[in-house]
């Protein structure tokens, strides 16, 4: 199975510049064995299951909870059972 999640998460009580907090979340994602891509508006991660994707978002939230009184998160999912490498496939399909 392939589940792609695109999500953004950040503290809302730290002003306009939150990159130092988002950096900690990105470092956690980079340490995981999943394909991911940081974009200007969020991060895309491809997992095998929905539970893995939700677990990443939960870990991201746990990173921010100790330093923030309010956390914003938005997520989009593309669940395609029986498929793999959908991040690569979607980009290649558009470019060809």
C-alpha atoms as a PDB file:
ATOM      1  CA  UNK A   1       0.000   0.000   0.000  1.00  0.00           C
ATOM      2  CA  UNK A   2       1.070   3.562  -0.495  1.00  0.00           C
ATOM      3  CA  UNK A   3      -0.211   6.428   1.595  1.00  0.00           C
ATOM      4  CA  UNK A   4       1.085   9.889   0.833  1.00  0.00           C
ATOM      5  CA  UNK A   5       0.504  12.604   3.385  1.00  0.00           C
ATOM      6  CA  UNK A   6       1.199  16.273   2.862  1.00  0.00           C
ATOM      7  CA  UNK A   7       1.066  18.186   6.104  1.00  0.00           C
ATOM      8  CA  UNK A   8       2.039  21.400   7.782  1.00  0.00           C
ATOM      9  CA  UNK A   9       2.359  21.812  11.523  1.00  0.00           C
ATOM     10  CA  UNK A  10       3.606  24.789  13.516  1.00  0.00           C
ATOM     11  CA  UNK A  11       3.073  26.677  16.768  1.00  0.00           C
ATOM     12  CA  UNK A  12       0.724  29.641  16.473  1.00  0.00           C
ATOM     13  CA  UNK A  13       1.981  31.469  19.551  1.00  0.00           C
ATOM     14  CA  UNK A  14       5.568  32.094  18.431  1.00  0.00           C
ATOM     15  CA  UNK A  15       5.110  34.984  16.020  1.00  0.00           C
ATOM     16  CA  UNK A  16       5.656  35.151  12.283  1.00  0.00           C
ATOM     17  CA  UNK A  17       8.940  33.211  12.201  1.00  0.00           C
ATOM     18  CA  UNK A  18       8.562  29.594  13.295  1.00  0.00           C
ATOM     19  CA  UNK A  19      11.320  27.909  11.291  1.00  0.00           C
ATOM     20  CA  UNK A  20      13.295  26.980  14.416  1.00  0.00           C
ATOM     21  CA  UNK A  21      10.307  24.906  15.596  1.00  0.00           C
ATOM     22  CA  UNK A  22       9.487  23.418  12.198  1.00  0.00           C
ATOM     23  CA  UNK A  23      13.159  22.434  11.841  1.00  0.00           C
ATOM     24  CA  UNK A  24      12.820  20.035  14.787  1.00  0.00           C
ATOM     25  CA  UNK A  25       9.861  18.346  13.101  1.00  0.00           C
ATOM     26  CA  UNK A  26      11.732  18.071   9.785  1.00  0.00           C
ATOM     27  CA  UNK A  27      14.740  16.544  11.546  1.00  0.00           C
ATOM     28  CA  UNK A  28      12.456  13.895  13.059  1.00  0.00           C
ATOM     29  CA  UNK A  29      10.974  13.117   9.633  1.00  0.00           C
ATOM     30  CA  UNK A  30      14.438  12.932   8.055  1.00  0.00           C
ATOM     31  CA  UNK A  31      15.436  10.320  10.653  1.00  0.00           C
ATOM     32  CA  UNK A  32      12.621   7.996   9.552  1.00  0.00           C
ATOM     33  CA  UNK A  33      12.901   5.338   6.810  1.00  0.00           C
ATOM     34  CA  UNK A  34      10.289   6.975   4.560  1.00  0.00           C
ATOM     35  CA  UNK A  35      10.646   8.995   1.390  1.00  0.00           C
ATOM     36  CA  UNK A  36       9.888  12.624   2.177  1.00  0.00           C
ATOM     37  CA  UNK A  37      10.137  16.024   0.601  1.00  0.00           C
ATOM     38  CA  UNK A  38      10.182  19.388   2.333  1.00  0.00           C
ATOM     39  CA  UNK A  39       8.269  22.057   0.408  1.00  0.00           C
ATOM     40  CA  UNK A  40       7.809  25.763   1.130  1.00  0.00           C
ATOM     41  CA  UNK A  41       4.316  25.104   2.506  1.00  0.00           C
ATOM     42  CA  UNK A  42       4.665  21.726   4.208  1.00  0.00           C
ATOM     43  CA  UNK A  43       6.196  18.281   4.029  1.00  0.00           C
ATOM     44  CA  UNK A  44       5.207  15.280   1.914  1.00  0.00           C
ATOM     45  CA  UNK A  45       5.861  11.782   3.259  1.00  0.00           C
ATOM     46  CA  UNK A  46       5.086   8.400   1.685  1.00  0.00           C
ATOM     47  CA  UNK A  47       4.385   5.542   4.076  1.00  0.00           C
ATOM     48  CA  UNK A  48       3.106   2.000   3.745  1.00  0.00           C
ATOM     49  CA  UNK A  49       0.033   2.525   5.950  1.00  0.00           C
ATOM     50  CA  UNK A  50      -2.303   5.237   7.174  1.00  0.00           C
ATOM     51  CA  UNK A  51      -1.265   4.424  10.762  1.00  0.00           C
ATOM     52  CA  UNK A  52       2.364   5.212   9.900  1.00  0.00           C
ATOM     53  CA  UNK A  53       1.354   8.576   8.438  1.00  0.00           C
ATOM     54  CA  UNK A  54      -0.783   9.407  11.453  1.00  0.00           C
ATOM     55  CA  UNK A  55       2.083   8.336  13.712  1.00  0.00           C
ATOM     56  CA  UNK A  56       4.398  10.858  12.051  1.00  0.00           C
ATOM     57  CA  UNK A  57       1.884  13.637  12.605  1.00  0.00           C
ATOM     58  CA  UNK A  58       1.474  12.541  16.225  1.00  0.00           C
ATOM     59  CA  UNK A  59       5.263  12.604  16.739  1.00  0.00           C
ATOM     60  CA  UNK A  60       5.422  16.068  15.169  1.00  0.00           C
ATOM     61  CA  UNK A  61       2.735  17.274  17.549  1.00  0.00           C
ATOM     62  CA  UNK A  62       4.610  15.776  20.519  1.00  0.00           C
ATOM     63  CA  UNK A  63       7.724  17.729  19.498  1.00  0.00           C
ATOM     64  CA  UNK A  64       5.824  21.016  19.552  1.00  0.00           C
ATOM     65  CA  UNK A  65       3.623  20.473  22.627  1.00  0.00           C
ATOM     66  CA  UNK A  66       6.338  21.280  25.193  1.00  0.00           C
ATOM     67  CA  UNK A  67       7.135  24.625  23.548  1.00  0.00           C
ATOM     68  CA  UNK A  68       3.737  25.872  22.449  1.00  0.00           C
ATOM     69  CA  UNK A  69       0.348  26.639  23.898  1.00  0.00           C
ATOM     70  CA  UNK A  70      -1.345  26.241  20.516  1.00  0.00           C
ATOM     71  CA  UNK A  71      -0.400  24.126  17.487  1.00  0.00           C
ATOM     72  CA  UNK A  72      -1.891  24.333  13.990  1.00  0.00           C
ATOM     73  CA  UNK A  73      -1.862  21.286  11.731  1.00  0.00           C
ATOM     74  CA  UNK A  74      -3.370  20.613   8.331  1.00  0.00           C
ATOM     75  CA  UNK A  75      -3.023  17.364   6.379  1.00  0.00           C
ATOM     76  CA  UNK A  76      -4.027  15.831   3.051  1.00  0.00           C
ATOM     77  CA  UNK A  77      -3.841  12.098   2.336  1.00  0.00           C
ATOM     78  CA  UNK A  78      -3.715  10.007  -0.841  1.00  0.00           C
ATOM     79  CA  UNK A  79      -4.248   6.340  -0.003  1.00  0.00           C
ATOM     80  CA  UNK A  80      -3.622   3.991  -2.924  1.00  0.00           C
ATOM     81  CA  UNK A  81      -3.757   0.344  -1.765  1.00  0.00           C
ATOM     82  CA  UNK A  82      -1.518  -2.100  -3.595  1.00  0.00           C
ATOM     83  CA  UNK A  83       0.819   0.564  -4.954  1.00  0.00           C
ATOM     84  CA  UNK A  84       4.322   1.692  -4.059  1.00  0.00           C
ATOM     85  CA  UNK A  85       6.545   4.652  -4.919  1.00  0.00           C
ATOM     86  CA  UNK A  86       3.556   6.871  -5.651  1.00  0.00           C
ATOM     87  CA  UNK A  87       5.472  10.096  -4.980  1.00  0.00           C
ATOM     88  CA  UNK A  88       7.835   9.270  -7.838  1.00  0.00           C
ATOM     89  CA  UNK A  89       5.044   7.963 -10.068  1.00  0.00           C
ATOM     90  CA  UNK A  90       2.847  11.043  -9.684  1.00  0.00           C
ATOM     91  CA  UNK A  91       5.679  13.422 -10.571  1.00  0.00           C
ATOM     92  CA  UNK A  92       6.836  11.301 -13.521  1.00  0.00           C
ATOM     93  CA  UNK A  93       3.276  11.089 -14.873  1.00  0.00           C
ATOM     94  CA  UNK A  94       2.947  14.868 -14.919  1.00  0.00           C
ATOM     95  CA  UNK A  95       6.377  15.461 -16.434  1.00  0.00           C
ATOM     96  CA  UNK A  96       5.986  12.906 -19.255  1.00  0.00           C
END
